[in-house]
């Protein structure tokens, strides 16, 4: 009987495998460091319920957990793709809609969680593309999370009189503005999901489309 071969990042070998491991470790370190800094900076004013109601925090913590698991063992490509998509959207939404807005983060945490970690997770997707074909079903499953988050934020907001992001807050301009902002984010998320699946399939050698029952993009 021979010993089992050590786990490798999906689709990565040799130098790319090493680079992928380094990237994944950096993601974990940066997210942990940013979380420690944010919690420490808040001190006695820290409110866990509000802190973990930011999509930035949720996506980064989820991404760090996925990257940590991927260091030691293969994980489902759909799960990795979800982390990539969530963090890509975190970076896109921040840089297009929230740059210059006070998002309650320190300078280091702001840079790490909104810029560096999203870039690193996308880089890992390129270094270690999925081994299995991603389908439109994966894309639709990934969409459940932001839609659930939007619903949660809009239901919780009036109850606690607090909203995590200005585009979700109806108090200044009403729900019409919120609907426009939410739809914009939903469309961007769907586009990002399709892109993540498409580039994963292309780099993973599974063709360039996202298929299910002959549905392609």
N, C-alpha and C. Protein backbone atom coordinates (compact mmCIF):
# COMPACT_ATOMS: atom_id res chain seq x y z
N UNK A 1 0.85 -1.19 0.00
CA UNK A 1 0.00 0.00 0.00
C UNK A 1 0.89 1.23 0.00
N UNK A 2 0.56 2.19 -0.85
CA UNK A 2 1.36 3.41 -0.94
C UNK A 2 0.67 4.55 -0.23
N UNK A 3 1.45 5.52 0.21
CA UNK A 3 0.89 6.67 0.91
C UNK A 3 0.13 7.55 -0.08
N UNK A 4 -0.91 8.18 0.42
CA UNK A 4 -1.70 9.05 -0.44
C UNK A 4 -0.89 10.27 -0.83
N UNK A 5 -1.07 10.71 -2.08
CA UNK A 5 -0.35 11.88 -2.56
C UNK A 5 -0.88 13.12 -1.85
N UNK A 6 -0.01 14.10 -1.58
CA UNK A 6 -0.46 15.33 -0.93
C UNK A 6 -1.43 16.09 -1.81
N UNK A 7 -2.38 16.78 -1.15
CA UNK A 7 -3.39 17.54 -1.89
C UNK A 7 -2.73 18.68 -2.64
N UNK A 8 -3.24 18.94 -3.84
CA UNK A 8 -2.74 20.04 -4.65
C UNK A 8 -3.88 20.99 -5.00
N UNK A 9 -3.56 22.28 -5.16
CA UNK A 9 -4.58 23.18 -5.62
C UNK A 9 -5.14 22.74 -6.96
N UNK A 10 -6.45 22.93 -7.15
CA UNK A 10 -7.09 22.47 -8.37
C UNK A 10 -6.41 23.06 -9.60
N UNK A 11 -6.01 22.21 -10.52
CA UNK A 11 -5.49 22.66 -11.79
C UNK A 11 -4.11 23.25 -11.74
N UNK A 12 -3.41 23.20 -10.61
CA UNK A 12 -2.10 23.84 -10.51
C UNK A 12 -1.02 22.80 -10.26
N UNK A 13 0.12 22.96 -10.93
CA UNK A 13 1.26 22.08 -10.73
C UNK A 13 2.53 22.91 -10.73
N UNK A 14 3.59 22.35 -10.13
CA UNK A 14 4.89 22.99 -10.17
C UNK A 14 4.88 24.40 -9.60
N UNK A 15 5.52 25.35 -10.30
CA UNK A 15 5.59 26.74 -9.82
C UNK A 15 4.22 27.36 -9.58
N UNK A 16 3.25 27.02 -10.42
CA UNK A 16 1.91 27.58 -10.23
C UNK A 16 1.28 27.07 -8.95
N UNK A 17 1.57 25.83 -8.61
CA UNK A 17 1.06 25.29 -7.35
C UNK A 17 1.64 26.05 -6.17
N UNK A 18 2.93 26.30 -6.21
CA UNK A 18 3.58 27.05 -5.12
C UNK A 18 3.03 28.46 -5.05
N UNK A 19 2.87 29.10 -6.21
CA UNK A 19 2.33 30.46 -6.24
C UNK A 19 0.92 30.49 -5.68
N UNK A 20 0.12 29.49 -6.01
CA UNK A 20 -1.25 29.41 -5.51
C UNK A 20 -1.27 29.25 -4.00
N UNK A 21 -0.40 28.42 -3.47
CA UNK A 21 -0.34 28.24 -2.02
C UNK A 21 0.05 29.54 -1.32
N UNK A 22 0.99 30.26 -1.91
CA UNK A 22 1.42 31.54 -1.33
C UNK A 22 0.27 32.54 -1.34
N UNK A 23 -0.43 32.62 -2.46
CA UNK A 23 -1.56 33.54 -2.58
C UNK A 23 -2.63 33.21 -1.56
N UNK A 24 -2.94 31.94 -1.40
CA UNK A 24 -3.98 31.52 -0.45
C UNK A 24 -3.57 31.86 0.98
N UNK A 25 -2.31 31.63 1.29
CA UNK A 25 -1.83 31.96 2.63
C UNK A 25 -1.89 33.47 2.88
N UNK A 26 -1.56 34.26 1.87
CA UNK A 26 -1.62 35.72 2.00
C UNK A 26 -3.06 36.19 2.25
N UNK A 27 -4.00 35.57 1.57
CA UNK A 27 -5.41 35.93 1.78
C UNK A 27 -5.80 35.70 3.23
N UNK A 28 -5.46 34.53 3.75
CA UNK A 28 -5.80 34.21 5.14
C UNK A 28 -5.16 35.19 6.10
N UNK A 29 -3.87 35.47 5.92
CA UNK A 29 -3.15 36.37 6.81
C UNK A 29 -3.74 37.78 6.76
N UNK A 30 -4.00 38.27 5.56
CA UNK A 30 -4.53 39.63 5.42
C UNK A 30 -5.91 39.78 6.04
N UNK A 31 -6.78 38.80 5.83
CA UNK A 31 -8.13 38.89 6.39
C UNK A 31 -8.09 38.82 7.91
N UNK A 32 -7.30 37.91 8.45
CA UNK A 32 -7.18 37.80 9.91
C UNK A 32 -6.61 39.10 10.49
N UNK A 33 -5.56 39.63 9.86
CA UNK A 33 -4.95 40.87 10.35
C UNK A 33 -5.93 42.04 10.28
N UNK A 34 -6.69 42.12 9.18
CA UNK A 34 -7.66 43.20 9.04
C UNK A 34 -8.77 43.09 10.08
N UNK A 35 -9.24 41.88 10.31
CA UNK A 35 -10.29 41.68 11.31
C UNK A 35 -9.79 42.06 12.71
N UNK A 36 -8.58 41.66 13.04
CA UNK A 36 -8.02 42.01 14.35
C UNK A 36 -7.92 43.53 14.49
N UNK A 37 -7.45 44.19 13.43
CA UNK A 37 -7.31 45.64 13.49
C UNK A 37 -8.66 46.33 13.63
N UNK A 38 -9.65 45.88 12.86
CA UNK A 38 -10.98 46.50 12.92
C UNK A 38 -11.62 46.33 14.29
N UNK A 39 -11.55 45.14 14.82
CA UNK A 39 -12.16 44.87 16.13
C UNK A 39 -11.43 45.65 17.23
N UNK A 40 -10.09 45.69 17.13
CA UNK A 40 -9.30 46.43 18.12
C UNK A 40 -9.58 47.92 18.04
N UNK A 41 -9.67 48.45 16.81
CA UNK A 41 -9.90 49.88 16.62
C UNK A 41 -11.28 50.29 17.15
N UNK A 42 -12.25 49.42 17.01
CA UNK A 42 -13.59 49.73 17.49
C UNK A 42 -13.67 49.73 19.01
N UNK A 43 -12.86 48.88 19.64
CA UNK A 43 -12.84 48.83 21.10
C UNK A 43 -14.18 48.50 21.70
N UNK A 44 -14.61 49.30 22.68
CA UNK A 44 -15.86 49.02 23.38
C UNK A 44 -17.08 49.31 22.51
N UNK A 45 -16.87 50.04 21.41
CA UNK A 45 -18.01 50.35 20.53
C UNK A 45 -18.28 49.24 19.51
N UNK A 46 -17.45 48.20 19.51
CA UNK A 46 -17.62 47.11 18.55
C UNK A 46 -18.97 46.44 18.72
N UNK A 47 -19.70 46.31 17.63
CA UNK A 47 -21.00 45.63 17.62
C UNK A 47 -20.92 44.51 16.59
N UNK A 48 -20.85 43.30 17.06
CA UNK A 48 -20.68 42.16 16.16
C UNK A 48 -21.81 42.06 15.14
N UNK A 49 -23.04 42.33 15.56
CA UNK A 49 -24.18 42.20 14.64
C UNK A 49 -24.04 43.14 13.45
N UNK A 50 -23.61 44.37 13.71
CA UNK A 50 -23.42 45.33 12.62
C UNK A 50 -22.16 45.00 11.81
N UNK A 51 -21.10 44.65 12.51
CA UNK A 51 -19.83 44.35 11.84
C UNK A 51 -20.01 43.23 10.82
N UNK A 52 -20.69 42.19 11.22
CA UNK A 52 -20.87 41.06 10.32
C UNK A 52 -22.13 41.19 9.46
N UNK A 53 -22.65 42.41 9.37
CA UNK A 53 -23.71 42.71 8.42
C UNK A 53 -23.17 43.43 7.19
N UNK A 54 -21.86 43.68 7.17
CA UNK A 54 -21.22 44.23 5.97
C UNK A 54 -20.90 43.09 5.01
N UNK A 55 -21.29 43.24 3.75
CA UNK A 55 -20.96 42.21 2.77
C UNK A 55 -19.45 42.08 2.61
N UNK A 56 -18.74 43.19 2.76
CA UNK A 56 -17.27 43.16 2.69
C UNK A 56 -16.71 42.18 3.71
N UNK A 57 -17.17 42.26 4.93
CA UNK A 57 -16.66 41.39 5.99
C UNK A 57 -17.06 39.94 5.72
N UNK A 58 -18.32 39.73 5.39
CA UNK A 58 -18.80 38.37 5.14
C UNK A 58 -18.05 37.71 3.98
N UNK A 59 -17.87 38.45 2.89
CA UNK A 59 -17.19 37.87 1.72
C UNK A 59 -15.73 37.59 2.01
N UNK A 60 -15.08 38.48 2.76
CA UNK A 60 -13.67 38.27 3.06
C UNK A 60 -13.46 37.11 4.04
N UNK A 61 -14.30 37.02 5.05
CA UNK A 61 -14.18 35.91 6.00
C UNK A 61 -14.46 34.59 5.28
N UNK A 62 -15.49 34.56 4.46
CA UNK A 62 -15.79 33.36 3.69
C UNK A 62 -14.63 33.01 2.77
N UNK A 63 -14.10 34.01 2.07
CA UNK A 63 -12.96 33.77 1.19
C UNK A 63 -11.75 33.24 1.92
N UNK A 64 -11.48 33.79 3.10
CA UNK A 64 -10.34 33.33 3.88
C UNK A 64 -10.53 31.88 4.33
N UNK A 65 -11.74 31.52 4.72
CA UNK A 65 -12.01 30.14 5.13
C UNK A 65 -11.83 29.18 3.96
N UNK A 66 -12.33 29.59 2.79
CA UNK A 66 -12.18 28.75 1.59
C UNK A 66 -10.71 28.60 1.22
N UNK A 67 -9.96 29.70 1.24
CA UNK A 67 -8.53 29.64 0.91
C UNK A 67 -7.75 28.80 1.92
N UNK A 68 -8.10 28.92 3.20
CA UNK A 68 -7.42 28.13 4.22
C UNK A 68 -7.67 26.64 3.99
N UNK A 69 -8.91 26.29 3.69
CA UNK A 69 -9.23 24.88 3.44
C UNK A 69 -8.53 24.39 2.18
N UNK A 70 -8.45 25.26 1.16
CA UNK A 70 -7.85 24.86 -0.12
C UNK A 70 -6.34 24.66 -0.02
N UNK A 71 -5.72 25.22 1.01
CA UNK A 71 -4.28 25.01 1.21
C UNK A 71 -3.99 23.56 1.54
N UNK A 72 -4.88 22.94 2.29
CA UNK A 72 -4.59 21.60 2.81
C UNK A 72 -5.32 20.48 2.09
N UNK A 73 -6.38 20.82 1.34
CA UNK A 73 -7.11 19.75 0.66
C UNK A 73 -7.91 20.34 -0.50
N UNK A 74 -8.19 19.52 -1.52
CA UNK A 74 -9.04 20.00 -2.62
C UNK A 74 -10.45 20.30 -2.11
N UNK A 75 -11.04 21.35 -2.63
CA UNK A 75 -12.41 21.68 -2.26
C UNK A 75 -13.23 21.83 -3.54
N UNK A 76 -14.55 21.76 -3.46
CA UNK A 76 -15.37 21.85 -4.66
C UNK A 76 -15.12 23.14 -5.44
N UNK A 77 -15.04 23.01 -6.76
CA UNK A 77 -14.80 24.17 -7.59
C UNK A 77 -15.91 25.21 -7.47
N UNK A 78 -17.13 24.74 -7.27
CA UNK A 78 -18.24 25.67 -7.10
C UNK A 78 -18.07 26.54 -5.87
N UNK A 79 -17.50 25.98 -4.81
CA UNK A 79 -17.27 26.73 -3.58
C UNK A 79 -16.19 27.78 -3.79
N UNK A 80 -15.11 27.38 -4.46
CA UNK A 80 -14.05 28.34 -4.77
C UNK A 80 -14.59 29.44 -5.67
N UNK A 81 -15.38 29.06 -6.67
CA UNK A 81 -15.94 30.05 -7.58
C UNK A 81 -16.83 31.05 -6.85
N UNK A 82 -17.57 30.58 -5.86
CA UNK A 82 -18.41 31.48 -5.07
C UNK A 82 -17.55 32.50 -4.34
N UNK A 83 -16.47 32.05 -3.73
CA UNK A 83 -15.58 32.97 -3.01
C UNK A 83 -14.99 34.01 -3.95
N UNK A 84 -14.57 33.55 -5.13
CA UNK A 84 -14.01 34.47 -6.12
C UNK A 84 -15.05 35.51 -6.54
N UNK A 85 -16.26 35.06 -6.81
CA UNK A 85 -17.31 35.95 -7.27
C UNK A 85 -17.68 36.97 -6.19
N UNK A 86 -17.87 36.50 -4.95
CA UNK A 86 -18.25 37.41 -3.87
C UNK A 86 -17.18 38.49 -3.66
N UNK A 87 -15.92 38.07 -3.68
CA UNK A 87 -14.85 39.04 -3.44
C UNK A 87 -14.62 39.95 -4.64
N UNK A 88 -14.81 39.42 -5.83
CA UNK A 88 -14.72 40.29 -7.02
C UNK A 88 -15.76 41.40 -6.92
N UNK A 89 -17.00 41.03 -6.52
CA UNK A 89 -18.04 42.03 -6.38
C UNK A 89 -17.74 43.01 -5.26
N UNK A 90 -17.15 42.53 -4.19
CA UNK A 90 -16.75 43.43 -3.11
C UNK A 90 -15.83 44.51 -3.64
N UNK A 91 -14.84 44.11 -4.42
CA UNK A 91 -13.91 45.08 -4.99
C UNK A 91 -14.58 46.01 -5.99
N UNK A 92 -15.42 45.45 -6.86
CA UNK A 92 -16.07 46.26 -7.90
C UNK A 92 -17.03 47.28 -7.28
N UNK A 93 -17.89 46.83 -6.37
CA UNK A 93 -18.87 47.73 -5.77
C UNK A 93 -18.18 48.84 -4.98
N UNK A 94 -17.15 48.46 -4.22
CA UNK A 94 -16.44 49.49 -3.45
C UNK A 94 -15.83 50.54 -4.36
N UNK A 95 -15.11 50.10 -5.38
CA UNK A 95 -14.38 51.03 -6.22
C UNK A 95 -15.28 51.85 -7.14
N UNK A 96 -16.48 51.33 -7.46
CA UNK A 96 -17.39 52.06 -8.33
C UNK A 96 -18.43 52.88 -7.57
N UNK A 97 -18.83 52.40 -6.37
CA UNK A 97 -19.95 53.04 -5.68
C UNK A 97 -19.60 53.60 -4.31
N UNK A 98 -18.53 53.12 -3.69
CA UNK A 98 -18.28 53.49 -2.30
C UNK A 98 -16.93 54.17 -2.05
N UNK A 99 -16.11 54.31 -3.07
CA UNK A 99 -14.82 54.96 -2.88
C UNK A 99 -15.06 56.41 -2.44
N UNK A 100 -14.40 56.79 -1.36
CA UNK A 100 -14.59 58.13 -0.80
C UNK A 100 -15.68 58.20 0.25
N UNK A 101 -16.46 57.11 0.38
CA UNK A 101 -17.50 57.05 1.41
C UNK A 101 -16.93 56.41 2.67
N UNK A 102 -17.31 56.92 3.84
CA UNK A 102 -16.84 56.35 5.10
C UNK A 102 -17.50 54.99 5.30
N UNK A 103 -16.72 53.92 5.11
CA UNK A 103 -17.26 52.56 5.26
C UNK A 103 -16.79 51.92 6.57
N UNK A 104 -16.41 52.76 7.52
CA UNK A 104 -16.10 52.31 8.88
C UNK A 104 -14.95 51.31 8.92
N UNK A 105 -13.90 51.57 8.14
CA UNK A 105 -12.73 50.71 8.18
C UNK A 105 -11.47 51.55 8.33
N UNK A 106 -10.45 50.96 8.93
CA UNK A 106 -9.15 51.63 9.02
C UNK A 106 -8.49 51.59 7.63
N UNK A 107 -7.43 52.36 7.47
CA UNK A 107 -6.77 52.46 6.16
C UNK A 107 -6.25 51.10 5.70
N UNK A 108 -5.58 50.38 6.61
CA UNK A 108 -5.04 49.07 6.23
C UNK A 108 -6.15 48.09 5.89
N UNK A 109 -7.15 48.01 6.75
CA UNK A 109 -8.26 47.07 6.51
C UNK A 109 -9.01 47.43 5.24
N UNK A 110 -9.19 48.71 5.00
CA UNK A 110 -9.89 49.16 3.81
C UNK A 110 -9.16 48.68 2.55
N UNK A 111 -7.84 48.89 2.51
CA UNK A 111 -7.05 48.47 1.36
C UNK A 111 -7.04 46.95 1.22
N UNK A 112 -6.85 46.27 2.34
CA UNK A 112 -6.75 44.81 2.31
C UNK A 112 -8.06 44.16 1.87
N UNK A 113 -9.16 44.56 2.47
CA UNK A 113 -10.44 43.88 2.24
C UNK A 113 -11.14 44.29 0.96
N UNK A 114 -10.92 45.53 0.52
CA UNK A 114 -11.61 46.02 -0.67
C UNK A 114 -10.79 45.93 -1.95
N UNK A 115 -9.48 45.80 -1.81
CA UNK A 115 -8.63 45.83 -3.00
C UNK A 115 -7.72 44.61 -3.09
N UNK A 116 -6.86 44.43 -2.09
CA UNK A 116 -5.80 43.42 -2.19
C UNK A 116 -6.36 42.00 -2.17
N UNK A 117 -7.21 41.68 -1.20
CA UNK A 117 -7.74 40.33 -1.11
C UNK A 117 -8.58 39.97 -2.34
N UNK A 118 -9.48 40.84 -2.81
CA UNK A 118 -10.20 40.49 -4.05
C UNK A 118 -9.26 40.20 -5.22
N UNK A 119 -8.20 40.99 -5.37
CA UNK A 119 -7.25 40.75 -6.46
C UNK A 119 -6.55 39.41 -6.27
N UNK A 120 -6.16 39.11 -5.04
CA UNK A 120 -5.44 37.85 -4.78
C UNK A 120 -6.32 36.64 -5.04
N UNK A 121 -7.59 36.71 -4.68
CA UNK A 121 -8.48 35.57 -4.88
C UNK A 121 -8.72 35.34 -6.37
N UNK A 122 -8.86 36.42 -7.13
CA UNK A 122 -8.99 36.28 -8.58
C UNK A 122 -7.70 35.70 -9.16
N UNK A 123 -6.55 36.16 -8.66
CA UNK A 123 -5.27 35.63 -9.12
C UNK A 123 -5.17 34.13 -8.86
N UNK A 124 -5.64 33.69 -7.71
CA UNK A 124 -5.60 32.26 -7.40
C UNK A 124 -6.47 31.47 -8.37
N UNK A 125 -7.61 32.04 -8.77
CA UNK A 125 -8.50 31.39 -9.75
C UNK A 125 -7.78 31.21 -11.09
N UNK A 126 -6.94 32.19 -11.43
CA UNK A 126 -6.18 32.12 -12.68
C UNK A 126 -5.02 31.13 -12.57
N UNK A 127 -4.39 31.09 -11.40
CA UNK A 127 -3.27 30.17 -11.20
C UNK A 127 -3.74 28.73 -11.09
N UNK A 128 -4.88 28.53 -10.45
CA UNK A 128 -5.40 27.17 -10.23
C UNK A 128 -6.84 27.10 -10.69
N UNK A 129 -7.07 27.06 -11.99
CA UNK A 129 -8.45 27.03 -12.51
C UNK A 129 -9.18 25.76 -12.11
N UNK A 130 -10.49 25.77 -12.17
CA UNK A 130 -11.29 24.60 -11.74
C UNK A 130 -11.01 23.36 -12.58
N UNK A 131 -11.08 22.22 -11.94
CA UNK A 131 -10.88 20.94 -12.63
C UNK A 131 -12.16 20.42 -13.27
N UNK A 132 -13.29 20.96 -12.85
CA UNK A 132 -14.57 20.49 -13.38
C UNK A 132 -15.28 21.65 -14.07
N UNK A 133 -16.18 21.31 -14.99
CA UNK A 133 -16.92 22.35 -15.72
C UNK A 133 -17.92 23.03 -14.80
N UNK A 134 -17.93 24.36 -14.86
CA UNK A 134 -18.91 25.14 -14.14
C UNK A 134 -20.10 25.41 -15.06
N UNK A 135 -21.31 25.31 -14.53
CA UNK A 135 -22.52 25.45 -15.33
C UNK A 135 -23.34 26.64 -14.87
N UNK A 136 -24.41 26.90 -15.59
CA UNK A 136 -25.30 27.99 -15.22
C UNK A 136 -25.92 27.72 -13.84
N UNK A 137 -25.99 26.46 -13.46
CA UNK A 137 -26.51 26.13 -12.13
C UNK A 137 -25.62 26.73 -11.04
N UNK A 138 -24.29 26.68 -11.24
CA UNK A 138 -23.38 27.29 -10.27
C UNK A 138 -23.65 28.79 -10.18
N UNK A 139 -23.80 29.41 -11.32
CA UNK A 139 -24.05 30.86 -11.35
C UNK A 139 -25.31 31.22 -10.58
N UNK A 140 -26.39 30.46 -10.79
CA UNK A 140 -27.64 30.74 -10.11
C UNK A 140 -27.53 30.49 -8.61
N UNK A 141 -26.78 29.46 -8.23
CA UNK A 141 -26.57 29.21 -6.81
C UNK A 141 -25.78 30.34 -6.16
N UNK A 142 -24.77 30.84 -6.86
CA UNK A 142 -23.99 31.96 -6.33
C UNK A 142 -24.87 33.20 -6.14
N UNK A 143 -25.85 33.38 -7.02
CA UNK A 143 -26.72 34.55 -6.95
C UNK A 143 -27.61 34.56 -5.71
N UNK A 144 -27.85 33.39 -5.13
CA UNK A 144 -28.71 33.32 -3.95
C UNK A 144 -28.15 34.16 -2.81
N UNK A 145 -26.84 34.14 -2.65
CA UNK A 145 -26.20 34.83 -1.52
C UNK A 145 -26.41 36.34 -1.56
N UNK A 146 -26.06 37.04 -2.65
CA UNK A 146 -26.29 38.49 -2.63
C UNK A 146 -27.76 38.87 -2.55
N UNK A 147 -28.64 38.07 -3.16
CA UNK A 147 -30.06 38.37 -3.07
C UNK A 147 -30.56 38.21 -1.63
N UNK A 148 -30.10 37.17 -0.97
CA UNK A 148 -30.46 36.97 0.44
C UNK A 148 -29.89 38.09 1.30
N UNK A 149 -28.67 38.53 0.96
CA UNK A 149 -28.05 39.61 1.72
C UNK A 149 -28.83 40.91 1.55
N UNK A 150 -29.26 41.21 0.33
CA UNK A 150 -30.06 42.41 0.10
C UNK A 150 -31.35 42.36 0.91
N UNK A 151 -32.02 41.21 0.88
CA UNK A 151 -33.27 41.05 1.64
C UNK A 151 -33.02 41.23 3.13
N UNK A 152 -31.96 40.60 3.63
CA UNK A 152 -31.60 40.71 5.06
C UNK A 152 -31.36 42.17 5.44
N UNK A 153 -30.58 42.88 4.63
CA UNK A 153 -30.22 44.27 4.95
C UNK A 153 -31.45 45.17 4.96
N UNK A 154 -32.36 44.96 3.99
CA UNK A 154 -33.53 45.81 3.89
C UNK A 154 -34.57 45.50 4.98
N UNK A 155 -34.62 44.26 5.43
CA UNK A 155 -35.53 43.90 6.52
C UNK A 155 -34.96 44.35 7.87
N UNK A 156 -33.67 44.14 8.05
CA UNK A 156 -33.03 44.48 9.33
C UNK A 156 -32.90 45.99 9.51
N UNK A 157 -32.65 46.72 8.42
CA UNK A 157 -32.39 48.15 8.51
C UNK A 157 -33.41 48.94 9.30
N UNK A 158 -34.71 48.85 8.95
CA UNK A 158 -35.72 49.62 9.70
C UNK A 158 -35.84 49.18 11.15
N UNK A 159 -35.54 47.92 11.42
CA UNK A 159 -35.68 47.40 12.78
C UNK A 159 -34.62 48.01 13.70
N UNK A 160 -33.38 48.10 13.23
CA UNK A 160 -32.28 48.60 14.06
C UNK A 160 -31.90 50.04 13.69
N UNK A 161 -32.57 50.60 12.68
CA UNK A 161 -32.29 51.95 12.21
C UNK A 161 -30.83 52.11 11.80
N UNK A 162 -30.35 51.15 11.03
CA UNK A 162 -28.95 51.16 10.57
C UNK A 162 -28.84 50.34 9.29
N UNK A 163 -28.10 50.88 8.34
CA UNK A 163 -27.88 50.19 7.07
C UNK A 163 -26.38 50.13 6.80
N UNK A 164 -25.89 49.01 6.28
CA UNK A 164 -24.44 48.87 6.09
C UNK A 164 -23.86 49.76 5.00
N UNK A 165 -24.66 50.08 3.97
CA UNK A 165 -24.14 50.86 2.85
C UNK A 165 -25.14 51.94 2.45
N UNK A 166 -24.64 53.09 1.97
CA UNK A 166 -25.55 54.19 1.60
C UNK A 166 -26.57 53.80 0.53
N UNK A 167 -26.17 52.96 -0.45
CA UNK A 167 -27.12 52.63 -1.52
C UNK A 167 -28.24 51.70 -1.06
N UNK A 168 -28.15 51.19 0.18
CA UNK A 168 -29.22 50.37 0.74
C UNK A 168 -30.09 51.15 1.73
N UNK A 169 -29.74 52.40 1.96
CA UNK A 169 -30.43 53.22 2.96
C UNK A 169 -31.52 54.06 2.30
N UNK A 170 -32.80 53.80 2.58
CA UNK A 170 -33.88 54.55 1.93
C UNK A 170 -34.18 55.89 2.60
N UNK A 171 -33.56 56.17 3.73
CA UNK A 171 -33.93 57.38 4.48
C UNK A 171 -33.62 58.68 3.75
N UNK A 172 -32.48 58.81 3.06
CA UNK A 172 -32.20 60.09 2.40
C UNK A 172 -33.09 60.37 1.19
N UNK A 173 -33.31 59.34 0.34
CA UNK A 173 -33.99 59.59 -0.94
C UNK A 173 -35.14 58.65 -1.24
N UNK A 174 -35.48 57.75 -0.33
CA UNK A 174 -36.59 56.84 -0.55
C UNK A 174 -36.17 55.51 -1.16
N UNK A 175 -37.13 54.63 -1.30
CA UNK A 175 -36.84 53.27 -1.77
C UNK A 175 -36.57 53.21 -3.27
N UNK A 176 -36.97 54.23 -4.02
CA UNK A 176 -36.67 54.23 -5.44
C UNK A 176 -35.17 54.18 -5.70
N UNK A 177 -34.42 54.98 -4.95
CA UNK A 177 -32.96 54.99 -5.07
C UNK A 177 -32.38 53.65 -4.65
N UNK A 178 -32.96 53.07 -3.61
CA UNK A 178 -32.49 51.76 -3.14
C UNK A 178 -32.70 50.69 -4.20
N UNK A 179 -33.86 50.72 -4.85
CA UNK A 179 -34.15 49.74 -5.89
C UNK A 179 -33.15 49.85 -7.03
N UNK A 180 -32.85 51.08 -7.44
CA UNK A 180 -31.88 51.28 -8.51
C UNK A 180 -30.52 50.75 -8.11
N UNK A 181 -30.09 51.09 -6.89
CA UNK A 181 -28.79 50.62 -6.41
C UNK A 181 -28.74 49.10 -6.30
N UNK A 182 -29.81 48.51 -5.74
CA UNK A 182 -29.85 47.06 -5.56
C UNK A 182 -29.85 46.34 -6.90
N UNK A 183 -30.62 46.86 -7.87
CA UNK A 183 -30.64 46.24 -9.19
C UNK A 183 -29.29 46.35 -9.87
N UNK A 184 -28.63 47.48 -9.69
CA UNK A 184 -27.30 47.66 -10.28
C UNK A 184 -26.33 46.63 -9.73
N UNK A 185 -26.38 46.44 -8.41
CA UNK A 185 -25.49 45.46 -7.79
C UNK A 185 -25.84 44.04 -8.25
N UNK A 186 -27.14 43.74 -8.35
CA UNK A 186 -27.57 42.40 -8.78
C UNK A 186 -27.10 42.10 -10.20
N UNK A 187 -27.24 43.08 -11.09
CA UNK A 187 -26.78 42.89 -12.47
C UNK A 187 -25.27 42.71 -12.51
N UNK A 188 -24.55 43.53 -11.74
CA UNK A 188 -23.09 43.41 -11.69
C UNK A 188 -22.68 42.04 -11.15
N UNK A 189 -23.41 41.56 -10.15
CA UNK A 189 -23.08 40.27 -9.56
C UNK A 189 -23.31 39.15 -10.57
N UNK A 190 -24.42 39.22 -11.30
CA UNK A 190 -24.70 38.19 -12.29
C UNK A 190 -23.63 38.18 -13.38
N UNK A 191 -23.24 39.37 -13.82
CA UNK A 191 -22.20 39.47 -14.85
C UNK A 191 -20.88 38.92 -14.32
N UNK A 192 -20.54 39.25 -13.07
CA UNK A 192 -19.30 38.74 -12.49
C UNK A 192 -19.34 37.23 -12.34
N UNK A 193 -20.51 36.70 -11.96
CA UNK A 193 -20.66 35.25 -11.81
C UNK A 193 -20.42 34.54 -13.14
N UNK A 194 -21.03 35.09 -14.21
CA UNK A 194 -20.84 34.50 -15.53
C UNK A 194 -19.37 34.57 -15.95
N UNK A 195 -18.73 35.69 -15.65
CA UNK A 195 -17.33 35.85 -16.04
C UNK A 195 -16.44 34.87 -15.29
N UNK A 196 -16.66 34.71 -13.99
CA UNK A 196 -15.86 33.78 -13.19
C UNK A 196 -16.01 32.37 -13.72
N UNK A 197 -17.25 31.96 -14.01
CA UNK A 197 -17.48 30.62 -14.55
C UNK A 197 -16.86 30.47 -15.93
N UNK A 198 -17.01 31.48 -16.77
CA UNK A 198 -16.48 31.42 -18.14
C UNK A 198 -14.96 31.32 -18.14
N UNK A 199 -14.29 32.19 -17.39
CA UNK A 199 -12.83 32.18 -17.39
C UNK A 199 -12.32 30.91 -16.72
N UNK A 200 -13.05 30.40 -15.71
CA UNK A 200 -12.64 29.16 -15.07
C UNK A 200 -12.70 27.99 -16.03
N UNK A 201 -13.80 27.91 -16.80
CA UNK A 201 -13.94 26.84 -17.79
C UNK A 201 -12.88 26.95 -18.88
N UNK A 202 -12.62 28.16 -19.32
CA UNK A 202 -11.66 28.37 -20.39
C UNK A 202 -10.25 27.98 -19.95
N UNK A 203 -9.84 28.45 -18.78
CA UNK A 203 -8.49 28.15 -18.29
C UNK A 203 -8.37 26.70 -17.83
N UNK A 204 -9.49 26.13 -17.39
CA UNK A 204 -9.46 24.75 -16.92
C UNK A 204 -9.56 23.74 -18.04
N UNK A 205 -9.67 24.21 -19.29
CA UNK A 205 -9.74 23.31 -20.44
C UNK A 205 -11.09 22.66 -20.62
N UNK A 206 -12.16 23.34 -20.14
CA UNK A 206 -13.50 22.77 -20.25
C UNK A 206 -14.33 23.49 -21.31
N UNK A 207 -13.67 24.18 -22.22
CA UNK A 207 -14.39 24.98 -23.20
C UNK A 207 -14.58 26.39 -22.69
N UNK A 208 -15.15 27.24 -23.52
CA UNK A 208 -15.26 28.65 -23.15
C UNK A 208 -16.66 29.06 -22.74
N UNK A 209 -17.59 28.12 -22.65
CA UNK A 209 -18.97 28.48 -22.32
C UNK A 209 -19.37 28.06 -20.94
N UNK A 210 -20.56 28.48 -20.54
CA UNK A 210 -21.19 28.07 -19.29
C UNK A 210 -22.48 27.38 -19.69
N UNK A 211 -22.53 26.05 -19.55
CA UNK A 211 -23.61 25.28 -20.15
C UNK A 211 -24.53 24.64 -19.11
N UNK A 212 -25.78 24.56 -19.49
CA UNK A 212 -26.74 23.67 -18.83
C UNK A 212 -27.91 23.53 -19.76
N UNK A 213 -28.18 22.33 -20.18
CA UNK A 213 -29.25 22.09 -21.14
C UNK A 213 -29.11 22.99 -22.37
N UNK A 214 -27.87 23.09 -22.84
CA UNK A 214 -27.53 23.83 -24.05
C UNK A 214 -27.66 25.35 -23.89
N UNK A 215 -27.69 25.82 -22.62
CA UNK A 215 -27.67 27.26 -22.38
C UNK A 215 -26.22 27.70 -22.36
N UNK A 216 -25.85 28.66 -23.18
CA UNK A 216 -24.47 29.12 -23.26
C UNK A 216 -24.39 30.62 -23.11
N UNK A 217 -23.21 31.10 -22.73
CA UNK A 217 -22.95 32.53 -22.70
C UNK A 217 -21.66 32.80 -23.44
